[in-house]
Protein backbone atom coordinates (compact mmCIF):
# COMPACT_ATOMS: atom_id res chain seq x y z
CA UNK A 1 49.95 16.89 125.82
CA UNK A 2 47.00 15.14 127.57
CA UNK A 3 47.63 14.47 131.26
CA UNK A 4 46.00 12.32 133.94
CA UNK A 5 46.56 11.43 137.59
CA UNK A 6 45.88 7.69 138.08
CA UNK A 7 44.36 6.08 141.17
CA UNK A 8 46.68 4.84 143.91
CA UNK A 9 46.46 1.25 142.68
CA UNK A 10 47.36 2.38 139.17
CA UNK A 11 50.26 4.48 140.49
CA UNK A 12 51.52 1.41 142.37
CA UNK A 13 51.27 -0.64 139.16
CA UNK A 14 53.16 2.09 137.30
CA UNK A 15 55.88 1.97 139.97
CA UNK A 16 56.02 -1.82 139.78
CA UNK A 17 56.40 -1.73 135.99
CA UNK A 18 59.05 1.01 136.15
CA UNK A 19 61.07 -1.03 138.67
CA UNK A 20 61.09 -4.03 136.33
CA UNK A 21 59.38 -6.19 138.96
CA UNK A 22 56.90 -7.62 136.40
CA UNK A 23 57.51 -8.92 132.86
CA UNK A 24 55.42 -6.24 131.11
CA UNK A 25 56.41 -2.82 129.82
CA UNK A 26 53.12 -0.99 130.27
CA UNK A 27 49.43 -1.12 131.12
CA UNK A 28 47.56 -4.13 129.73
CA UNK A 29 44.07 -5.37 128.94
CA UNK A 30 42.08 -6.74 131.92
CA UNK A 31 42.93 -10.34 130.97
CA UNK A 32 46.63 -9.59 131.45
CA UNK A 33 49.77 -10.92 129.79
CA UNK A 34 52.46 -13.52 130.50
CA UNK A 35 50.23 -15.28 133.03
CA UNK A 36 49.79 -12.08 135.04
CA UNK A 37 46.43 -10.51 135.87
CA UNK A 38 45.66 -7.22 134.19
CA UNK A 39 47.69 -4.18 135.15
CA UNK A 40 45.04 -1.75 134.00
CA UNK A 41 44.56 1.99 133.60
CA UNK A 42 41.13 3.60 133.23
CA UNK A 43 40.36 7.23 132.44
CA UNK A 44 37.24 9.28 131.68
CA UNK A 45 36.03 9.08 128.10
CA UNK A 46 37.05 12.68 127.37
CA UNK A 47 40.62 12.03 128.55
CA UNK A 48 40.74 8.82 126.51
CA UNK A 49 39.66 10.66 123.37
CA UNK A 50 42.39 13.26 123.85
CA UNK A 51 44.99 10.54 124.50
CA UNK A 52 44.01 8.55 121.42
CA UNK A 53 44.15 11.67 119.26
CA UNK A 54 47.57 12.66 120.63
CA UNK A 55 48.82 9.08 120.73
CA UNK A 56 50.20 9.55 124.24
CA UNK A 57 49.10 10.36 127.78
CA UNK A 58 51.34 11.79 130.50
CA UNK A 59 50.71 10.23 133.91
CA UNK A 60 51.12 12.52 136.92
CA UNK A 61 51.53 11.95 140.62
CA UNK A 62 48.97 13.59 142.98
CA UNK A 63 51.15 16.71 143.15
CA UNK A 64 51.15 17.10 139.37
CA UNK A 65 54.67 15.83 138.67
CA UNK A 66 54.87 13.89 135.36
CA UNK A 67 56.02 10.34 136.12
CA UNK A 68 55.67 8.48 132.84
CA UNK A 69 54.33 8.73 129.31
CA UNK A 70 51.93 6.11 128.00
CA UNK A 71 52.07 5.40 124.27
CA UNK A 72 48.44 4.54 123.53
CA UNK A 73 48.38 1.22 121.67
CA UNK A 74 44.74 0.28 122.31
CA UNK A 75 41.58 0.90 124.30
CA UNK A 76 38.75 -1.14 125.79
CA UNK A 77 35.37 -0.18 127.29
CA UNK A 78 34.90 -0.27 131.06
CA UNK A 79 31.40 -1.52 131.79
CA UNK A 80 31.96 -3.55 134.93
CA UNK A 81 34.49 -4.25 137.69
CA UNK A 82 37.55 -4.33 135.42
CA UNK A 83 38.78 -1.01 136.69
CA UNK A 84 38.06 -1.58 140.38
CA UNK A 85 41.09 -0.96 142.53
CA UNK A 86 42.27 -1.00 146.11
CA UNK A 87 41.95 2.74 146.51
CA UNK A 88 38.21 2.98 146.01
CA UNK A 89 35.12 1.70 144.22
CA UNK A 90 34.95 0.63 140.60
CA UNK A 91 34.95 3.49 138.11
CA UNK A 92 31.60 4.67 136.85
CA UNK A 93 30.31 4.10 133.36
CA UNK A 94 31.73 6.44 130.76
CA UNK A 95 35.33 5.41 131.37
CA UNK A 96 37.77 3.77 128.99
CA UNK A 97 40.74 1.49 129.57
CA UNK A 98 44.03 2.42 127.91
CA UNK A 99 46.71 -0.05 126.87
CA UNK A 100 50.30 0.62 125.87
CA UNK A 101 53.98 0.76 126.84
CA UNK A 102 55.35 3.27 129.33
CA UNK A 103 58.46 5.44 129.22
CA UNK A 104 59.73 7.10 132.37
CA UNK A 105 59.74 10.90 132.61
CA UNK A 106 61.14 11.12 136.12
CA UNK A 107 61.79 8.82 139.05
CA UNK A 108 59.75 8.96 142.24
CA UNK A 109 61.94 10.30 145.04
CA UNK A 110 59.42 11.12 147.76
CA UNK A 111 57.54 8.92 150.20
CA UNK A 112 58.42 7.22 153.49
CA UNK A 113 61.23 4.68 153.11
CA UNK A 114 61.55 5.45 149.40
CA UNK A 115 65.24 4.59 149.74
CA UNK A 116 64.20 0.97 150.34
CA UNK A 117 62.11 0.76 147.15
CA UNK A 118 64.24 -1.10 144.62
CA UNK A 119 63.79 -3.31 141.61
CA UNK A 120 65.09 -6.87 141.23
CA UNK A 121 68.85 -7.31 141.17
CA UNK A 122 70.57 -10.71 141.21
CA UNK A 123 67.99 -13.34 142.17
CA UNK A 124 70.38 -16.27 142.48
CA UNK A 125 71.00 -17.42 146.03
CA UNK A 126 68.08 -15.46 147.45
CA UNK A 127 64.87 -16.45 149.20
CA UNK A 128 62.00 -14.01 148.80
CA UNK A 129 59.85 -13.50 151.89
CA UNK A 130 56.71 -11.47 151.02
CA UNK A 131 55.69 -9.50 154.12
CA UNK A 132 52.16 -8.09 154.38
CA UNK A 133 51.79 -8.04 158.18
CA UNK A 134 54.15 -7.79 161.18
CA UNK A 135 56.35 -10.88 161.52
CA UNK A 136 55.92 -13.05 164.61
CA UNK A 137 58.62 -14.87 166.56
CA UNK A 138 57.70 -18.13 164.81
CA UNK A 139 57.87 -16.36 161.44
CA UNK A 140 61.39 -15.17 162.21
CA UNK A 141 62.42 -18.70 163.21
CA UNK A 142 60.96 -20.04 159.97
CA UNK A 143 62.84 -17.47 157.90
CA UNK A 144 66.08 -18.38 159.64
CA UNK A 145 65.49 -22.02 158.71
CA UNK A 146 64.65 -21.07 155.12
CA UNK A 147 67.90 -19.11 154.88
CA UNK A 148 69.70 -22.42 154.36
CA UNK A 149 68.37 -22.19 150.79
CA UNK A 150 69.61 -18.64 150.27
CA UNK A 151 69.92 -15.14 151.65
CA UNK A 152 66.54 -13.86 152.97
CA UNK A 153 65.08 -10.94 151.05
CA UNK A 154 62.16 -9.48 153.00
CA UNK A 155 59.79 -7.95 150.41
CA UNK A 156 57.57 -5.52 152.34
CA UNK A 157 54.33 -5.15 150.37
CA UNK A 158 53.46 -1.46 150.69
CA UNK A 159 51.02 -1.06 147.78
CA UNK A 160 47.36 -0.13 148.14
CA UNK A 161 45.36 -2.77 149.99
CA UNK A 162 48.30 -4.86 151.19
CA UNK A 163 49.58 -3.99 154.67
CA UNK A 164 47.41 -5.80 157.23
CA UNK A 165 46.93 -4.42 160.73
CA UNK A 166 49.32 -1.48 160.35
CA UNK A 167 50.13 1.31 157.92
CA UNK A 168 52.70 0.82 155.18
CA UNK A 169 55.42 2.89 156.94
CA UNK A 170 54.79 0.99 160.18
CA UNK A 171 55.05 -2.35 158.36
CA UNK A 172 58.45 -1.30 157.04
CA UNK A 173 59.56 -0.27 160.55
CA UNK A 174 58.29 -3.55 162.00
CA UNK A 175 60.08 -5.55 159.30
CA UNK A 176 63.34 -3.69 159.89
CA UNK A 177 63.00 -4.53 163.58
CA UNK A 178 62.41 -8.20 162.75
CA UNK A 179 65.32 -8.25 160.27
CA UNK A 180 67.71 -7.41 163.10
CA UNK A 181 67.14 -10.99 164.34
CA UNK A 182 67.60 -12.63 160.91
CA UNK A 183 71.27 -12.96 159.93
CA UNK A 184 71.98 -11.67 156.41
CA UNK A 185 68.43 -10.45 155.83
CA UNK A 186 67.82 -7.55 153.46
CA UNK A 187 64.65 -5.42 153.43
CA UNK A 188 63.14 -4.13 150.18
CA UNK A 189 59.86 -2.21 149.93
CA UNK A 190 57.73 -3.28 146.95
CA UNK A 191 54.75 -1.18 145.71
CA UNK A 192 52.59 -4.22 144.98
CA UNK A 193 48.84 -3.46 145.17
CA UNK A 194 45.83 -5.75 145.44
CA UNK A 195 43.53 -6.01 142.44
CA UNK A 196 40.32 -5.61 144.47
CA UNK A 197 39.74 -3.96 147.84
CA UNK A 198 37.21 -6.61 148.89
CA UNK A 199 39.53 -9.58 148.34
CA UNK A 200 37.41 -10.93 145.47
CA UNK A 201 40.46 -11.24 143.22
CA UNK A 202 42.52 -13.52 145.47
CA UNK A 203 43.70 -15.69 142.57
CA UNK A 204 44.88 -12.66 140.62
CA UNK A 205 46.69 -11.32 143.68
CA UNK A 206 48.40 -14.68 144.24
CA UNK A 207 49.56 -14.88 140.62
CA UNK A 208 50.93 -11.36 140.65
CA UNK A 209 52.68 -11.87 144.00
CA UNK A 210 54.26 -15.10 142.74
CA UNK A 211 55.58 -13.34 139.64
CA UNK A 212 57.02 -10.47 141.65
CA UNK A 213 58.68 -12.79 144.18
CA UNK A 214 60.18 -14.83 141.32
CA UNK A 215 61.68 -11.67 139.86
CA UNK A 216 63.55 -10.97 143.11
CA UNK A 217 64.63 -14.46 144.20
CA UNK A 218 64.89 -18.07 143.07
CA UNK A 219 62.66 -19.40 145.84
CA UNK A 220 59.89 -18.08 148.10
CA UNK A 221 59.04 -18.53 151.77
CA UNK A 222 55.62 -17.38 153.03
CA UNK A 223 55.19 -16.36 156.70
CA UNK A 224 52.15 -17.57 158.63
CA UNK A 225 51.80 -14.48 160.90
CA UNK A 226 50.89 -16.77 163.80
CA UNK A 227 52.15 -16.50 167.35
CA UNK A 228 53.59 -13.79 169.56
CA UNK A 229 55.28 -10.72 168.16
CA UNK A 230 58.85 -9.91 169.21
CA UNK A 231 59.05 -7.04 171.68
CA UNK A 232 60.53 -4.61 169.14
CA UNK A 233 57.90 -5.48 166.53
CA UNK A 234 55.05 -5.27 169.05
CA UNK A 235 56.22 -1.78 170.05
CA UNK A 236 55.92 -0.60 166.45
CA UNK A 237 52.43 -2.10 166.14
CA UNK A 238 51.26 -0.57 169.42
CA UNK A 239 52.51 2.87 168.39
CA UNK A 240 50.84 2.63 164.97
CA UNK A 241 47.55 1.10 166.13
CA UNK A 242 46.76 2.32 169.63
CA UNK A 243 43.41 1.48 171.27
CA UNK A 244 40.42 2.87 169.39
CA UNK A 245 39.72 5.56 171.96
CA UNK A 246 43.15 7.00 171.10
CA UNK A 247 42.90 6.65 167.32
CA UNK A 248 41.57 9.12 164.79
CA UNK A 249 37.94 8.82 163.74
CA UNK A 250 35.55 10.19 161.13
CA UNK A 251 31.91 10.21 162.25
CA UNK A 252 29.93 10.73 159.06
CA UNK A 253 26.26 11.72 159.28
CA UNK A 254 24.15 11.31 156.15
CA UNK A 255 20.47 12.02 155.56
CA UNK A 256 17.97 14.21 153.79
CA UNK A 257 17.86 17.95 154.21
CA UNK A 258 15.91 18.65 157.41
CA UNK A 259 16.44 15.15 158.80
CA UNK A 260 18.21 16.47 161.89
CA UNK A 261 21.71 15.28 161.06
CA UNK A 262 23.37 18.67 161.64
CA UNK A 263 21.56 19.03 164.96
CA UNK A 264 22.69 15.63 166.24
CA UNK A 265 26.19 16.17 164.85
CA UNK A 266 26.47 19.46 166.72
CA UNK A 267 25.20 17.84 169.91
CA UNK A 268 27.84 15.13 169.54
CA UNK A 269 30.51 17.78 168.95
CA UNK A 270 29.50 19.63 172.12
CA UNK A 271 29.43 16.40 174.13
CA UNK A 272 32.93 15.38 173.03
CA UNK A 273 34.23 18.86 173.90
CA UNK A 274 32.63 18.61 177.33
CA UNK A 275 34.20 15.19 177.93
CA UNK A 276 37.64 16.61 177.09
CA UNK A 277 39.20 13.26 176.18
CA UNK A 278 39.44 13.89 172.41
CA UNK A 279 40.26 16.68 170.01
CA UNK A 280 37.26 17.18 167.74
CA UNK A 281 36.42 19.19 164.60
CA UNK A 282 32.98 19.84 163.14
CA UNK A 283 32.66 19.76 159.34
CA UNK A 284 29.04 20.78 158.88
CA UNK A 285 27.81 20.87 155.29
CA UNK A 286 26.75 24.52 155.25
CA UNK A 287 29.85 25.74 157.09
CA UNK A 288 32.15 23.79 154.76
CA UNK A 289 30.43 25.29 151.73
CA UNK A 290 31.14 28.75 153.09
CA UNK A 291 34.82 28.20 153.89
CA UNK A 292 36.16 25.19 151.95
CA UNK A 293 33.87 24.88 148.95
CA UNK A 294 32.96 28.48 148.16
CA UNK A 295 32.28 28.78 144.44
CA UNK A 296 30.85 25.29 144.01
CA UNK A 297 27.28 25.05 142.75
CA UNK A 298 24.63 22.44 143.45
CA UNK A 299 24.99 20.23 140.39
CA UNK A 300 25.61 16.57 141.15
CA UNK A 301 29.27 16.98 140.21
CA UNK A 302 29.77 19.98 142.50
CA UNK A 303 27.88 18.35 145.37
CA UNK A 304 30.04 15.24 145.11
CA UNK A 305 33.18 17.39 144.96
CA UNK A 306 32.06 19.11 148.16
CA UNK A 307 31.63 15.75 149.91
CA UNK A 308 35.03 14.52 148.73
CA UNK A 309 36.60 17.68 150.15
CA UNK A 310 34.88 17.08 153.46
CA UNK A 311 36.05 13.47 153.38
CA UNK A 312 39.64 14.41 152.64
CA UNK A 313 39.81 16.97 155.44
CA UNK A 314 38.14 14.52 157.83
CA UNK A 315 40.61 11.78 156.90
CA UNK A 316 43.56 14.10 157.51
CA UNK A 317 42.15 14.99 160.92
CA UNK A 318 41.85 11.27 161.71
CA UNK A 319 45.42 10.68 160.48
CA UNK A 320 46.65 12.79 163.38
CA UNK A 321 44.43 11.23 166.02
CA UNK A 322 41.56 13.70 165.99
CA UNK A 323 37.82 13.15 165.61
CA UNK A 324 36.07 14.74 162.63
CA UNK A 325 32.27 15.01 162.73
CA UNK A 326 30.85 15.48 159.22
CA UNK A 327 27.21 16.14 158.35
CA UNK A 328 26.60 16.57 154.61
CA UNK A 329 23.59 15.09 152.83
CA UNK A 330 25.91 12.69 150.93
CA UNK A 331 23.13 11.00 148.94
CA UNK A 332 25.23 8.59 146.87
CA UNK A 333 26.76 5.37 148.14
CA UNK A 334 29.82 5.50 145.87
CA UNK A 335 30.96 8.83 147.30
CA UNK A 336 30.36 7.69 150.88
CA UNK A 337 32.53 4.66 150.13
CA UNK A 338 35.27 6.94 148.84
CA UNK A 339 35.19 8.87 152.12
CA UNK A 340 35.31 5.60 154.08
CA UNK A 341 38.36 4.58 152.06
CA UNK A 342 40.06 7.94 152.66
CA UNK A 343 39.65 7.52 156.41
CA UNK A 344 40.85 3.91 156.29
CA UNK A 345 43.90 4.80 154.22
CA UNK A 346 44.75 7.56 156.70
CA UNK A 347 44.71 5.02 159.52
CA UNK A 348 41.52 6.38 161.07
CA UNK A 349 38.19 4.81 161.85
CA UNK A 350 34.91 5.52 160.07
CA UNK A 351 31.46 5.43 161.65
CA UNK A 352 28.49 6.03 159.34
CA UNK A 353 25.31 7.40 160.93
CA UNK A 354 22.19 7.37 158.77
CA UNK A 355 19.68 9.93 160.03
CA UNK A 356 16.73 8.13 158.46
CA UNK A 357 13.97 10.66 159.10
CA UNK A 358 11.28 10.09 156.42
CA UNK A 359 10.91 12.53 153.54
CA UNK A 360 7.41 13.51 154.67
CA UNK A 361 8.71 14.63 158.07
CA UNK A 362 11.70 16.45 156.56
CA UNK A 363 9.40 18.26 154.15
CA UNK A 364 6.97 19.12 156.96
CA UNK A 365 9.77 20.83 158.86
CA UNK A 366 11.21 22.61 155.77
CA UNK A 367 12.87 25.21 157.98
CA UNK A 368 14.70 26.80 155.04
CA UNK A 369 11.84 26.57 152.57
CA UNK A 370 13.96 24.42 150.26
CA UNK A 371 11.43 21.64 149.67
CA UNK A 372 8.76 24.13 148.68
CA UNK A 373 11.11 25.72 146.17
CA UNK A 374 12.14 22.30 144.86
CA UNK A 375 8.49 21.29 144.41
CA UNK A 376 7.96 24.52 142.50
CA UNK A 377 10.84 23.67 140.16
CA UNK A 378 13.05 26.48 141.42
CA UNK A 379 15.82 24.15 142.67
CA UNK A 380 16.95 21.44 140.23
CA UNK A 381 18.64 18.22 141.43
CA UNK A 382 17.22 18.52 144.94
CA UNK A 383 17.79 15.37 146.96
CA UNK A 384 14.56 13.54 147.75
CA UNK A 385 12.53 15.47 145.18
CA UNK A 386 14.26 15.62 141.79
CA UNK A 387 17.45 13.74 142.71
CA UNK A 388 17.67 10.34 144.45
CA UNK A 389 18.91 9.52 147.93
CA UNK A 390 20.60 6.12 148.19
CA UNK A 391 19.96 4.93 151.74
CA UNK A 392 23.10 3.27 153.10
CA UNK A 393 23.04 -0.46 153.72
CA UNK A 394 26.25 -0.29 155.78
CA UNK A 395 25.34 2.32 158.39
CA UNK A 396 26.73 1.73 161.88
CA UNK A 397 23.77 3.59 163.39
CA UNK A 398 20.31 4.40 162.02
CA UNK A 399 18.40 7.19 163.75
CA UNK A 400 14.91 8.48 163.00
CA UNK A 401 14.38 11.87 164.67
CA UNK A 402 10.61 11.97 164.17
CA UNK A 403 8.94 13.01 167.43
CA UNK A 404 12.12 12.52 169.44
CA UNK A 405 14.37 14.78 171.47
CA UNK A 406 17.92 15.61 170.48
CA UNK A 407 19.15 13.96 173.69
CA UNK A 408 17.46 10.65 172.84
CA UNK A 409 18.91 10.59 169.33
CA UNK A 410 22.36 11.56 170.61
CA UNK A 411 22.27 8.73 173.13
CA UNK A 412 21.84 6.23 170.27
CA UNK A 413 24.93 7.56 168.51
CA UNK A 414 26.96 7.65 171.71
CA UNK A 415 25.95 4.06 172.48
CA UNK A 416 27.40 2.92 169.14
CA UNK A 417 30.64 4.88 169.58
CA UNK A 418 31.10 3.46 173.08
CA UNK A 419 30.18 -0.11 172.05
CA UNK A 420 32.69 0.00 169.18
CA UNK A 421 35.42 1.38 171.45
CA UNK A 422 35.77 4.87 169.92
CA UNK A 423 34.72 6.55 173.17
CA UNK A 424 35.16 5.38 176.73
CA UNK A 425 32.14 5.07 179.00
CA UNK A 426 31.82 7.92 181.51
C-alpha cells in the first residue's frame, strides 16, 4: 500500500476534515468546493503514480502512524503556488495534486491539549469566537456582551500559521486563562491552518474560517486584540515569549566553500562561551557530516538532506532556549527557507549571515584543494563551479572576508545580534 507523510498544513486539513469541521469529505482541487478554498494534498510524482495504480494512498503522521486512507479520485499538475502551505515553501516542480475522499484509520491522540480538540456538536445557541492571539481585557468585555446572543465558544486556532505572538500551546493556555473571566465560556482547539505562510491568501483564509465558525455556532464574534492583557494572560505570554536575549536562536552562516563562514562561526561560538550568558552549540558542516550525516554523499539531494538535518537539530536547540550556530554551504534559497521555518515553528529566532566572499578569493585560498579538483572534473555538483549558489536576498548580515581579520568580520556579526536584541551589549 503506498504511503506518504503530508506537510503540517496538509495534516491540519486532514484533521479538520476528520473532525467534520468543513463540508467536504476529502482533499479537493485547488479551486475548492462548496465555497471553500482548496484543501489540497501534493505528493512527488513517483508517489502519485503508485497511488493512482493502487487506487489509494495511506497518509501517515510524522512518526509513521497511519491516520487516514485517501481513495484517489483524480489528480492535477502542480506547476505554481497551488501547493504552498504554512509549513514551508511551495513544492517544487515534479509534484502532483491528489483528490479524493478520506477514511479514518486511527484517531490522533497525541499533542498538547489534544483533549480540547473536538468537532462541531450542537451549534444552536452558541457564539463562535475565533482566537488567533491572546485575548485582551477589552476582548473579554466584548465577548461577555456578545454572550447575550448565545453561549461563547472560544475556538483556539492552533493550525500551522495561525497563532500570532505565541506558540499554539501557549495560545490555548492564554485562552483558558481568559475563559475564567467569561461566564459559560467553553474552549475548543481547532486545527485550522492558513493557506499561505506570507498572508497572500487572506480571502481564502477568511472564507475557510467563516465556514468553520459556522459549523460550530450560529453566530460569530471576532476579537480585536487591542488593549491591555489581563494579568493571567500576560503571564502566559511573558513565559512563552521572553525577551530575545533569553529566547532560542539559530545563527545560520551560508557561503561558498573557503569563504570563511566556518572560521567566523567558530569565533562567534567561542565569544558566546566566553560571555557565559547563553548556552551555545556549534553545528559546523564538516563536523555534522561526520556525526549526524555519515553515509550521505554529495549529490544535490544528499546535500540538501544534510542541511535539513542541521536545520532540524538547530531548531530543536532553539526550542529549549539555546543558541545553535550553523555553517553549511546551503546554496539553495528554498532549503534555507525551510530551516528558517523550522526555527520559527520551534519558537526560536533565525539570523541569516551571508559570508559573501567572491568566488575568485575562495578559489585562491582553496585550502582543501577542492576547487582544483572540481575544475578538473573530479568533483561533480561542486557549488560555485558546476552547481549554482543562490545568494540570499534576505540575509540579516552580509560579510566579505577578503583582506580582513577574523575579529573585524566577527564584530559585524555581533553588531547585528546586539542590534536585533539576541545578545546584550557588554
